[in-house]
Amino acid sequence: MARLCPVAAAQLSEVAAFLTERFHPKPADNFVKLDYLRWQYLDWPPAPGPRAHSCLEGDNIIAHAGTIYSRFLHPAAEPGAGPVLSNVHSWASSPQAGPAGAMLLWQSFRHSDVQYAFSFSPQAQRVFAAAGFKFVQVVPTFRRILTATGRRAAYSREPLAKSVAFRAIETVLSPWRALPPVSSALALEEVEEFDSNAEQVARCASRHCILSARDSSFLNHILKHPFGMTHGYYLRDGSDLAGLALLHVEEREGVRYAKILDCLMISPDRWQYARAVAPLLRQLSALHADIVIVHAGTPWLQAALRANNFYNRGRKTLWVRDPKAILPKGYPYHMSLLDSDLAFL
């Protein structure tokens, strides 16, 4: 008889073995390493429910999933308040698991009002649809290649037709990249720890969009990612707080891959966002990044990325399960890499 068990320290090795069997990670992938799993499952800030569950048959794992909890901030909610949300990640089942995988998904519903799914496989999409999730928004993925090393790495694994198309885009953009994208970039203030200013930024941003909370405890945990380098910043316009950002850089096979994990501004002004992206790019160049990727859920961040010579490299879809119709309609979702598995891999 299958049973659900919260993941504890003693099970991390078994979880790592199961995820390795199901996802076939490359040697450079960190998500099955014990240091990563400890950071991901055991050291996470307190949440409404267990951080991860495994479904056991006897002593063997037949299904596994992690669950992230937060709150959705939105324009109709009281400032800083909102429904509890959950998001399932690292979700996998063995061929003999039967309904065990669905049990893990339903388990996450017990402790949250709203659930979302973002960055998932076609097989998972069918399960989400059957569980009541609805498509709400496309979230584009943007990329910018900063170096010749990045260019070789980006195109060496692409099919010929796709490689030619993206090289053509790069060729068209290259003259513009010699020019400063904005004339007055914002100032970056690097922080060792985030404080209540981060929550203030999120509260102000939630007047214009729907986003997950930016609690300082969560952001500070991200800064402790056990692999690569993670950097946190406040963005300032003179002495005024304007926004926040997180960057992650990690070297794999001689290429330094960078992610803008988040870029969140108090104002939805596209020019203000462009003034934020510009110094982040300079900082990533100083960190010797070769390739940069970023998710952009709102139209103002998408416009800012294009103004800074990023181009659309793909898309994710956001699905939300909101059985009590708590979330208001007509607002974009600010979905960043912080809201996706990609922040942690």
Protein backbone atom coordinates (compact mmCIF):
# COMPACT_ATOMS: atom_id res chain seq x y z
CA MET A 1 0.00 0.00 0.00
CA ALA A 2 1.52 3.32 -1.09
CA ARG A 3 1.94 6.01 1.56
CA LEU A 4 3.01 9.66 1.53
CA CYS A 5 5.93 10.71 3.72
CA PRO A 6 7.45 14.19 4.21
CA VAL A 7 11.10 14.22 3.16
CA ALA A 8 13.57 14.20 6.07
CA ALA A 9 17.36 14.33 6.19
CA ALA A 10 17.67 10.54 6.33
CA GLN A 11 15.87 10.19 2.97
CA LEU A 12 17.91 12.67 0.92
CA SER A 13 20.18 10.02 -0.60
CA GLU A 14 17.18 7.96 -1.71
CA VAL A 15 15.50 11.07 -3.14
CA ALA A 16 18.69 11.92 -5.06
CA ALA A 17 18.84 8.40 -6.49
CA PHE A 18 15.17 8.50 -7.52
CA LEU A 19 15.46 11.91 -9.21
CA THR A 20 18.61 10.73 -11.01
CA GLU A 21 16.75 7.71 -12.34
CA ARG A 22 13.75 9.75 -13.52
CA PHE A 23 15.43 12.91 -14.89
CA HIS A 24 18.83 11.59 -16.13
CA PRO A 25 20.81 14.68 -15.06
CA LYS A 26 24.07 15.67 -16.69
CA PRO A 27 27.25 15.71 -14.55
CA ALA A 28 27.01 19.51 -14.22
CA ASP A 29 23.39 19.45 -13.01
CA ASN A 30 23.08 20.24 -9.33
CA PHE A 31 19.47 19.39 -8.50
CA VAL A 32 20.29 15.81 -7.44
CA LYS A 33 23.29 16.72 -5.29
CA LEU A 34 22.89 16.36 -1.55
CA ASP A 35 23.99 19.92 -0.75
CA TYR A 36 21.35 21.21 -3.12
CA LEU A 37 18.60 18.95 -1.77
CA ARG A 38 19.46 19.95 1.80
CA TRP A 39 19.25 23.63 0.86
CA GLN A 40 16.06 23.05 -1.13
CA TYR A 41 14.13 20.85 1.31
CA LEU A 42 15.54 21.14 4.82
CA ASP A 43 16.89 24.70 5.14
CA TRP A 44 13.93 26.46 3.52
CA PRO A 45 12.07 29.10 5.57
CA PRO A 46 8.98 27.83 7.45
CA ALA A 47 5.92 27.15 5.27
CA PRO A 48 2.26 26.13 5.72
CA GLY A 49 3.03 22.54 4.73
CA PRO A 50 5.96 20.12 4.29
CA ARG A 51 8.53 21.24 1.74
CA ALA A 52 8.55 17.89 -0.10
CA HIS A 53 6.90 14.48 -0.06
CA SER A 54 7.84 11.08 -1.39
CA CYS A 55 5.34 8.33 -2.08
CA LEU A 56 6.67 5.01 -0.79
CA GLU A 57 5.72 1.47 -1.60
CA GLY A 58 7.44 -0.58 1.05
CA ASP A 59 10.82 1.13 1.36
CA ASN A 60 10.99 2.24 -2.28
CA ILE A 61 10.20 5.69 -3.63
CA ILE A 62 7.69 5.46 -6.48
CA ALA A 63 6.86 9.18 -6.75
CA HIS A 64 8.28 12.44 -5.44
CA ALA A 65 7.50 16.18 -5.50
CA GLY A 66 8.67 19.35 -3.83
CA THR A 67 6.19 22.12 -2.98
CA ILE A 68 6.94 25.82 -2.65
CA TYR A 69 4.50 27.94 -0.64
CA SER A 70 4.08 31.70 -0.77
CA ARG A 71 1.29 34.25 -1.19
CA PHE A 72 -0.12 35.90 -4.29
CA LEU A 73 -0.11 39.69 -3.93
CA HIS A 74 -2.58 41.44 -6.23
CA PRO A 75 -4.33 44.79 -6.73
CA ALA A 76 -7.58 43.72 -5.01
CA ALA A 77 -5.87 42.45 -1.83
CA GLU A 78 -4.96 44.39 1.27
CA PRO A 79 -1.36 45.69 1.02
CA GLY A 80 1.04 42.81 1.71
CA ALA A 81 -1.78 40.27 2.03
CA GLY A 82 -3.09 37.67 -0.39
CA PRO A 83 -4.08 34.03 -0.78
CA VAL A 84 -1.62 31.26 0.08
CA LEU A 85 -0.22 29.73 -3.10
CA SER A 86 1.60 26.51 -3.82
CA ASN A 87 3.69 25.31 -6.75
CA VAL A 88 4.83 21.73 -7.29
CA HIS A 89 8.32 21.14 -8.71
CA SER A 90 10.75 18.22 -9.16
CA TRP A 91 7.62 16.15 -9.70
CA ALA A 92 8.29 12.61 -10.93
CA SER A 93 6.72 9.16 -10.83
CA SER A 94 8.01 5.70 -11.68
CA PRO A 95 6.13 3.70 -14.36
CA GLN A 96 4.50 1.51 -11.70
CA ALA A 97 3.37 4.45 -9.53
CA GLY A 98 -0.20 4.59 -10.87
CA PRO A 99 -2.10 7.47 -9.20
CA ALA A 100 0.71 8.18 -6.70
CA GLY A 101 1.90 11.21 -8.68
CA ALA A 102 -1.57 12.74 -8.58
CA MET A 103 -1.67 12.10 -4.82
CA LEU A 104 1.37 14.34 -4.44
CA LEU A 105 -0.29 17.10 -6.42
CA TRP A 106 -3.49 16.92 -4.35
CA GLN A 107 -1.41 16.91 -1.17
CA SER A 108 -0.14 20.38 -2.05
CA PHE A 109 -3.74 21.65 -2.31
CA ARG A 110 -4.37 20.99 1.39
CA HIS A 111 -2.27 23.93 2.55
CA SER A 112 -2.97 26.55 -0.14
CA ASP A 113 -5.86 28.56 -1.58
CA VAL A 114 -4.46 28.92 -5.09
CA GLN A 115 -2.01 26.78 -7.06
CA TYR A 116 0.02 27.57 -10.15
CA ALA A 117 2.07 25.55 -12.63
CA PHE A 118 4.87 27.10 -14.63
CA SER A 119 7.62 25.39 -16.63
CA PHE A 120 6.46 21.80 -16.96
CA SER A 121 6.31 18.89 -19.39
CA PRO A 122 3.42 18.13 -21.81
CA GLN A 123 2.61 15.04 -19.71
CA ALA A 124 2.30 17.18 -16.57
CA GLN A 125 0.08 19.66 -18.43
CA ARG A 126 -2.53 16.97 -19.00
CA VAL A 127 -2.57 16.19 -15.27
CA PHE A 128 -2.81 19.88 -14.36
CA ALA A 129 -5.74 20.38 -16.74
CA ALA A 130 -7.57 17.40 -15.26
CA ALA A 131 -6.98 18.82 -11.75
CA GLY A 132 -8.68 22.11 -12.59
CA PHE A 133 -5.75 24.32 -13.64
CA LYS A 134 -6.54 26.88 -16.35
CA PHE A 135 -4.20 28.53 -18.80
CA VAL A 136 -3.85 32.24 -17.93
CA GLN A 137 -0.79 33.67 -19.66
CA VAL A 138 2.24 33.14 -21.86
CA VAL A 139 5.56 34.02 -20.21
CA PRO A 140 8.30 34.74 -22.79
CA THR A 141 11.90 33.72 -22.19
CA PHE A 142 14.48 36.28 -23.31
CA ARG A 143 18.18 35.76 -23.95
CA ARG A 144 21.19 37.90 -24.57
CA ILE A 145 24.60 36.55 -25.56
CA LEU A 146 27.43 38.62 -24.14
CA THR A 147 30.60 36.93 -25.46
CA ALA A 148 31.98 34.85 -28.30
CA THR A 149 32.16 31.90 -25.88
CA GLY A 150 28.46 32.31 -25.20
CA ARG A 151 27.71 32.48 -28.91
CA ARG A 152 29.52 29.23 -29.62
CA ALA A 153 27.80 27.50 -26.70
CA ALA A 154 24.35 28.82 -27.64
CA TYR A 155 24.44 27.70 -31.26
CA SER A 156 26.52 24.52 -31.21
CA ARG A 157 23.59 22.37 -30.05
CA GLU A 158 20.87 24.05 -32.14
CA PRO A 159 19.35 22.50 -35.29
CA LEU A 160 20.72 24.23 -38.40
CA ALA A 161 17.55 26.15 -39.30
CA LYS A 162 17.10 27.49 -35.77
CA SER A 163 20.79 28.35 -35.51
CA VAL A 164 20.65 30.35 -38.76
CA ALA A 165 17.54 32.23 -37.61
CA PHE A 166 19.00 33.23 -34.26
CA ARG A 167 22.35 34.15 -35.79
CA ALA A 168 20.50 36.46 -38.15
CA ILE A 169 18.82 38.15 -35.18
CA GLU A 170 22.20 38.50 -33.47
CA THR A 171 23.69 40.06 -36.61
CA VAL A 172 20.89 42.62 -36.86
CA LEU A 173 21.19 43.54 -33.18
CA SER A 174 24.98 43.70 -33.00
CA PRO A 175 25.38 47.32 -34.27
CA TRP A 176 22.86 48.57 -31.71
CA ARG A 177 24.72 46.87 -28.88
CA ALA A 178 27.61 49.25 -29.38
CA LEU A 179 25.32 52.04 -28.14
CA PRO A 180 24.22 52.52 -24.53
CA PRO A 181 20.61 51.24 -24.33
CA VAL A 182 19.58 53.97 -21.88
CA SER A 183 21.10 57.33 -21.09
CA SER A 184 20.49 57.33 -17.33
CA ALA A 185 20.68 53.90 -15.74
CA LEU A 186 19.60 53.34 -12.15
CA ALA A 187 22.13 52.72 -9.39
CA LEU A 188 22.73 49.20 -8.08
CA GLU A 189 23.14 48.70 -4.34
CA GLU A 190 24.37 45.16 -3.64
CA VAL A 191 23.08 43.65 -0.41
CA GLU A 192 24.27 40.74 1.69
CA GLU A 193 20.73 40.38 3.03
CA PHE A 194 17.36 41.74 1.95
CA ASP A 195 15.21 43.56 4.50
CA SER A 196 11.72 45.05 4.68
CA ASN A 197 12.49 47.20 1.63
CA ALA A 198 12.03 44.08 -0.52
CA GLU A 199 8.53 43.61 0.84
CA GLN A 200 7.80 47.30 0.20
CA VAL A 201 8.83 46.90 -3.45
CA ALA A 202 6.51 43.89 -3.83
CA ARG A 203 3.59 45.66 -2.16
CA CYS A 204 3.93 48.63 -4.48
CA ALA A 205 4.36 46.43 -7.57
CA SER A 206 1.19 44.49 -6.68
CA ARG A 207 -0.92 47.56 -7.43
CA HIS A 208 -0.34 46.86 -11.13
CA CYS A 209 0.09 43.08 -11.44
CA ILE A 210 -0.22 39.73 -9.67
CA LEU A 211 2.99 38.35 -8.18
CA SER A 212 4.25 35.99 -5.52
CA ALA A 213 5.41 37.62 -2.27
CA ARG A 214 9.01 38.79 -1.94
CA ASP A 215 9.51 38.04 1.76
CA SER A 216 13.04 38.86 2.87
CA SER A 217 13.46 35.38 4.44
CA PHE A 218 12.75 33.77 1.05
CA LEU A 219 15.07 36.09 -0.89
CA ASN A 220 17.87 35.63 1.65
CA HIS A 221 17.53 31.87 1.31
CA ILE A 222 17.97 32.23 -2.46
CA LEU A 223 21.19 34.17 -1.80
CA LYS A 224 22.51 31.05 -0.03
CA HIS A 225 22.17 28.85 -3.12
CA PRO A 226 24.95 26.25 -2.66
CA PHE A 227 26.20 26.36 -6.26
CA GLY A 228 27.38 29.23 -8.42
CA MET A 229 27.18 32.86 -7.32
CA THR A 230 23.91 34.54 -6.34
CA HIS A 231 23.80 38.31 -5.90
CA GLY A 232 21.02 40.53 -4.55
CA TYR A 233 20.50 44.23 -5.25
CA TYR A 234 18.26 47.17 -4.58
CA LEU A 235 17.85 49.58 -7.47
CA ARG A 236 17.85 53.26 -6.59
CA ASP A 237 16.88 56.39 -8.47
CA GLY A 238 19.09 58.87 -6.67
CA SER A 239 18.37 58.11 -3.02
CA ASP A 240 14.88 56.73 -3.70
CA LEU A 241 14.18 53.00 -3.61
CA ALA A 242 13.06 51.93 -7.11
CA GLY A 243 13.16 48.12 -7.14
CA LEU A 244 15.08 44.93 -6.47
CA ALA A 245 16.93 42.30 -8.48
CA LEU A 246 18.67 38.95 -8.08
CA LEU A 247 21.33 37.51 -10.38
CA HIS A 248 22.81 34.02 -10.52
CA VAL A 249 25.95 33.01 -12.42
CA GLU A 250 27.28 29.48 -12.70
CA GLU A 251 30.01 27.99 -14.86
CA ARG A 252 29.29 24.76 -16.73
CA GLU A 253 31.72 23.16 -19.17
CA GLY A 254 33.68 26.40 -19.49
CA VAL A 255 30.63 28.62 -20.14
CA ARG A 256 29.31 31.08 -17.54
CA TYR A 257 25.52 30.95 -17.67
CA ALA A 258 23.68 33.83 -16.00
CA LYS A 259 20.07 34.23 -14.95
CA ILE A 260 18.24 37.37 -14.00
CA LEU A 261 16.25 35.58 -11.33
CA ASP A 262 14.13 38.66 -10.73
CA CYS A 263 13.86 42.31 -11.69
CA LEU A 264 10.93 43.91 -9.89
CA MET A 265 10.25 47.64 -9.84
CA ILE A 266 7.88 49.79 -7.80
CA SER A 267 6.66 51.53 -10.96
CA PRO A 268 5.33 49.70 -14.04
CA ASP A 269 6.93 52.32 -16.27
CA ARG A 270 8.75 50.64 -19.16
CA TRP A 271 11.52 53.23 -19.20
CA GLN A 272 12.14 52.71 -15.48
CA TYR A 273 12.47 48.98 -16.09
CA ALA A 274 14.86 49.64 -18.99
CA ARG A 275 16.95 51.80 -16.64
CA ALA A 276 17.07 48.81 -14.26
CA VAL A 277 18.03 46.17 -16.82
CA ALA A 278 20.96 48.27 -18.13
CA PRO A 279 23.04 48.23 -14.90
CA LEU A 280 22.20 44.55 -14.38
CA LEU A 281 23.74 43.82 -17.77
CA ARG A 282 26.85 45.80 -16.86
CA GLN A 283 27.10 43.87 -13.61
CA LEU A 284 26.78 40.54 -15.42
CA SER A 285 29.56 41.58 -17.80
CA ALA A 286 31.71 42.39 -14.76
CA LEU A 287 30.94 38.89 -13.46
CA HIS A 288 32.18 37.51 -16.82
CA ALA A 289 28.83 36.02 -17.82
CA ASP A 290 28.63 34.59 -21.34
CA ILE A 291 24.87 34.04 -21.77
CA VAL A 292 21.96 35.65 -19.90
CA ILE A 293 18.38 34.38 -19.73
CA VAL A 294 15.33 35.90 -18.05
CA HIS A 295 11.57 35.26 -17.86
CA ALA A 296 9.34 38.28 -18.31
CA GLY A 297 5.66 38.03 -17.46
CA THR A 298 4.69 41.70 -17.61
CA PRO A 299 4.63 43.85 -20.77
CA TRP A 300 6.77 46.54 -19.10
CA LEU A 301 9.63 44.13 -18.37
CA GLN A 302 9.35 42.61 -21.85
CA ALA A 303 9.66 46.07 -23.41
CA ALA A 304 12.65 46.88 -21.16
CA LEU A 305 14.47 43.72 -22.24
CA ARG A 306 13.94 44.51 -25.91
CA ALA A 307 15.23 48.03 -25.28
CA ASN A 308 18.39 46.43 -23.88
CA ASN A 309 18.82 44.20 -26.97
CA PHE A 310 17.50 40.95 -25.54
CA TYR A 311 15.51 38.82 -27.92
CA ASN A 312 12.70 36.34 -27.37
CA ARG A 313 14.18 32.86 -27.14
CA GLY A 314 11.08 30.83 -26.22
CA ARG A 315 8.03 30.79 -24.02
CA LYS A 316 6.52 29.15 -20.97
CA THR A 317 2.85 28.92 -20.13
CA LEU A 318 1.34 29.77 -16.77
CA TRP A 319 -1.60 27.74 -15.49
CA VAL A 320 -3.51 28.62 -12.31
CA ARG A 321 -5.98 26.68 -10.19
CA ASP A 322 -8.19 29.17 -8.35
CA PRO A 323 -11.30 27.23 -7.23
CA LYS A 324 -12.70 30.12 -5.15
CA ALA A 325 -12.04 32.76 -7.85
CA ILE A 326 -9.90 34.82 -5.45
CA LEU A 327 -7.54 36.38 -7.98
CA PRO A 328 -8.78 39.37 -10.01
CA LYS A 329 -9.01 39.21 -13.79
CA GLY A 330 -7.34 41.50 -16.28
CA TYR A 331 -3.91 41.90 -14.64
CA PRO A 332 -0.63 40.44 -15.91
CA TYR A 333 1.33 38.05 -13.73
CA HIS A 334 4.90 39.00 -12.88
CA MET A 335 6.41 35.53 -13.28
CA SER A 336 10.18 35.39 -13.05
CA LEU A 337 12.78 32.65 -12.75
CA LEU A 338 12.17 32.85 -8.99
CA ASP A 339 8.75 31.35 -9.68
CA SER A 340 10.09 28.52 -11.83
CA ASP A 341 12.15 25.39 -11.36
CA LEU A 342 14.80 27.13 -13.46
CA ALA A 343 15.75 29.29 -10.48
CA PHE A 344 16.99 26.25 -8.63
CA LEU A 345 18.56 23.95 -11.26
